[in-house]
Protein backbone atom coordinates (compact mmCIF):
# COMPACT_ATOMS: atom_id res chain seq x y z
CA UNK A 1 34.78 16.54 25.75
CA UNK A 2 32.49 19.44 27.30
CA UNK A 3 32.22 16.99 30.59
CA UNK A 4 35.71 15.85 30.25
CA UNK A 5 37.31 19.63 30.64
CA UNK A 6 35.23 20.27 33.57
CA UNK A 7 36.48 17.06 35.60
CA UNK A 8 39.61 18.16 35.02
CA UNK A 9 38.50 21.83 36.77
CA UNK A 10 39.04 23.97 33.02
CA UNK A 11 37.01 25.96 31.69
CA UNK A 12 34.80 24.67 28.81
CA UNK A 13 33.67 28.13 27.51
CA UNK A 14 37.72 30.04 27.62
CA UNK A 15 38.75 31.10 24.52
CA UNK A 16 41.19 27.97 23.72
CA UNK A 17 39.08 25.37 24.77
CA UNK A 18 35.20 26.08 23.17
CA UNK A 19 35.67 24.66 20.07
CA UNK A 20 38.10 21.58 21.62
CA UNK A 21 35.01 19.31 21.73
CA UNK A 22 34.07 19.94 18.03
CA UNK A 23 38.25 19.32 17.13
CA UNK A 24 38.34 16.22 18.74
CA UNK A 25 35.31 15.53 17.22
CA UNK A 26 36.25 15.38 14.18
CA UNK A 27 40.09 14.01 14.88
CA UNK A 28 37.90 11.21 16.53
CA UNK A 29 35.96 10.68 12.91
CA UNK A 30 39.77 10.72 10.97
CA UNK A 31 41.50 8.28 13.27
CA UNK A 32 38.76 5.96 13.22
CA UNK A 33 37.71 6.31 9.98
CA UNK A 34 38.64 2.66 8.93
CA UNK A 35 36.34 0.98 10.65
CA UNK A 36 34.20 1.08 7.41
CA UNK A 37 36.31 0.11 5.45
CA UNK A 38 37.33 -3.36 4.13
CA UNK A 39 40.94 -3.75 3.77
CA UNK A 40 40.14 -6.45 1.28
CA UNK A 41 38.63 -3.96 -0.97
CA UNK A 42 42.12 -1.98 -0.92
CA UNK A 43 43.21 -4.83 -2.39
CA UNK A 44 40.81 -5.26 -5.12
CA UNK A 45 42.77 -3.97 -7.89
CA UNK A 46 45.36 -7.50 -9.17
CA UNK A 47 47.63 -7.96 -12.45
CA UNK A 48 48.52 -10.58 -13.84
CA UNK A 49 51.77 -11.40 -12.94
CA UNK A 50 53.71 -14.65 -13.96
CA UNK A 51 55.92 -16.69 -11.24
CA UNK A 52 56.19 -17.34 -7.60
CA UNK A 53 58.61 -14.77 -6.07
CA UNK A 54 57.75 -12.67 -2.82
CA UNK A 55 57.62 -9.25 -3.00
CA UNK A 56 58.04 -7.37 0.06
CA UNK A 57 57.39 -3.72 0.76
CA UNK A 58 58.77 -2.78 4.12
CA UNK A 59 58.91 1.04 7.07
CA UNK A 60 54.89 1.71 6.00
CA UNK A 61 54.18 3.94 8.61
CA UNK A 62 51.24 3.65 10.17
CA UNK A 63 49.85 5.55 13.17
CA UNK A 64 46.93 3.58 15.68
CA UNK A 65 44.94 4.72 18.22
CA UNK A 66 45.61 1.98 20.77
CA UNK A 67 41.73 0.84 22.67
CA UNK A 68 41.99 0.54 26.14
CA UNK A 69 43.57 4.18 26.35
CA UNK A 70 42.63 5.75 22.98
CA UNK A 71 46.16 6.88 22.81
CA UNK A 72 48.22 6.73 20.43
CA UNK A 73 50.57 4.16 18.95
CA UNK A 74 52.63 4.96 15.77
CA UNK A 75 55.20 2.50 13.77
CA UNK A 76 56.37 0.77 10.63
CA UNK A 77 54.59 -2.31 8.93
CA UNK A 78 56.39 -5.05 6.71
CA UNK A 79 54.35 -6.61 4.28
CA UNK A 80 55.56 -9.74 2.17
CA UNK A 81 53.72 -11.85 -0.04
CA UNK A 82 54.05 -14.33 -2.59
CA UNK A 83 51.59 -14.12 -5.95
CA UNK A 84 50.00 -17.02 -7.69
CA UNK A 85 49.72 -14.99 -11.10
CA UNK A 86 47.76 -11.76 -9.54
CA UNK A 87 49.87 -9.08 -8.10
CA UNK A 88 48.49 -5.85 -6.34
CA UNK A 89 49.77 -2.36 -6.94
CA UNK A 90 52.15 -1.59 -3.87
CA UNK A 91 50.30 1.45 -2.74
CA UNK A 92 47.58 -0.74 -2.25
CA UNK A 93 49.30 -2.44 0.50
CA UNK A 94 49.65 0.93 2.46
CA UNK A 95 46.42 1.73 1.89
CA UNK A 96 45.32 -2.00 3.36
CA UNK A 97 47.75 -0.86 6.60
CA UNK A 98 45.21 2.31 6.99
CA UNK A 99 42.36 0.67 7.42
CA UNK A 100 43.14 -1.01 9.79
CA UNK A 101 45.40 0.71 11.70
CA UNK A 102 42.31 3.77 11.45
CA UNK A 103 40.03 2.56 14.06
CA UNK A 104 40.63 1.59 17.87
CA UNK A 105 43.09 -1.41 17.78
CA UNK A 106 45.23 -3.81 19.04
CA UNK A 107 48.81 -3.87 17.62
CA UNK A 108 48.69 -7.77 18.08
CA UNK A 109 45.38 -7.49 16.75
CA UNK A 110 46.37 -5.50 14.38
CA UNK A 111 48.80 -7.66 12.55
CA UNK A 112 46.72 -10.31 11.70
CA UNK A 113 44.19 -8.70 10.20
CA UNK A 114 46.67 -7.20 7.87
CA UNK A 115 47.86 -10.67 7.13
CA UNK A 116 44.08 -12.02 6.21
CA UNK A 117 43.21 -9.74 4.79
CA UNK A 118 46.45 -9.97 1.91
CA UNK A 119 45.61 -13.63 1.93
CA UNK A 120 41.48 -13.27 1.49
CA UNK A 121 42.27 -10.73 -0.97
CA UNK A 122 45.21 -11.41 -3.17
CA UNK A 123 45.07 -15.47 -2.60
CA UNK A 124 48.86 -15.86 -2.40
CA UNK A 125 50.66 -18.37 -1.42
CA UNK A 126 51.06 -16.96 1.90
CA UNK A 127 51.78 -13.79 3.46
CA UNK A 128 54.09 -12.13 6.39
CA UNK A 129 53.94 -9.01 7.93
CA UNK A 130 55.65 -7.30 11.01
CA UNK A 131 54.74 -4.65 12.74
CA UNK A 132 56.78 -2.03 15.09
CA UNK A 133 55.65 0.46 17.24
CA UNK A 134 55.93 2.59 20.42
CA UNK A 135 53.16 3.34 22.04
CA UNK A 136 52.69 6.23 24.33
CA UNK A 137 50.20 4.30 26.52
CA UNK A 138 53.86 3.14 27.71
CA UNK A 139 55.85 6.25 26.68
CA UNK A 140 53.42 8.97 28.39
CA UNK A 141 51.58 7.89 31.13
CA UNK A 142 51.83 4.58 33.20
CA UNK A 143 54.94 2.73 33.52
CA UNK A 144 56.57 5.70 31.14
CA UNK A 145 59.29 3.47 28.90
CA UNK A 146 60.05 5.99 26.00
CA UNK A 147 61.99 4.34 23.27
CA UNK A 148 60.10 0.87 23.59
CA UNK A 149 58.75 -0.96 20.96
CA UNK A 150 56.58 -3.77 20.71
CA UNK A 151 57.49 -5.69 17.33
CA UNK A 152 54.36 -8.46 16.24
CA UNK A 153 54.52 -10.28 13.51
CA UNK A 154 51.75 -13.39 11.95
CA UNK A 155 52.67 -15.28 9.21
CA UNK A 156 50.27 -17.30 6.84
CA UNK A 157 51.03 -19.62 4.57
CA UNK A 158 54.18 -20.90 3.12
CA UNK A 159 55.77 -18.31 5.54
CA UNK A 160 54.31 -20.21 7.95
CA UNK A 161 55.43 -23.08 6.42
CA UNK A 162 58.79 -23.01 5.50
CA UNK A 163 61.23 -21.92 7.95
CA UNK A 164 63.46 -21.21 4.28
CA UNK A 165 60.53 -18.29 2.95
CA UNK A 166 60.20 -16.98 6.52
CA UNK A 167 64.30 -16.04 7.11
CA UNK A 168 64.44 -14.57 3.76
CA UNK A 169 61.30 -12.48 4.28
CA UNK A 170 62.66 -11.38 8.30
CA UNK A 171 65.99 -10.86 5.81
CA UNK A 172 64.63 -8.68 3.22
CA UNK A 173 63.11 -7.08 6.46
CA UNK A 174 66.16 -6.87 9.09
CA UNK A 175 69.30 -6.42 6.77
CA UNK A 176 69.41 -3.39 6.27
CA UNK A 177 69.16 -1.92 9.94
CA UNK A 178 72.17 -1.12 11.58
CA UNK A 179 72.85 -1.95 15.44
């Protein structure tokens, strides 16, 4: 970090910048804390619950760092699954999102990693994940298009094989959205 400060023409010993390398290192340690977390572990504790009805948690806020520029992308995750006799605490789905988001990431990969973690940990009939995010690498540099939102989805199991189930999930995610 000292080299970057000097490379942009600043004095790394200036009072306001003197502690910046330490602060940046702490920020990256926090931002990349998911590198040492298996998202399936966050989904380990389940509860017996008969039935096979869809469960959806939507609008889970997340932030991650794009691996290409180390700039943030911020958005919301929507997760659905159809249990096979076992459910997980709803907050655990948000924890799985955080575990995957807190590493150098691509939104496309992140979406699939969340869906795969739900499938492997919960063994449901299916899992569906949609991520919506604004990427600062598109907002503050390059093309400079603030407000652009990238939407990615991953459908597993019955969400992939059944158009009716997929549509029910999509309706539960998008139905309350106002134009």
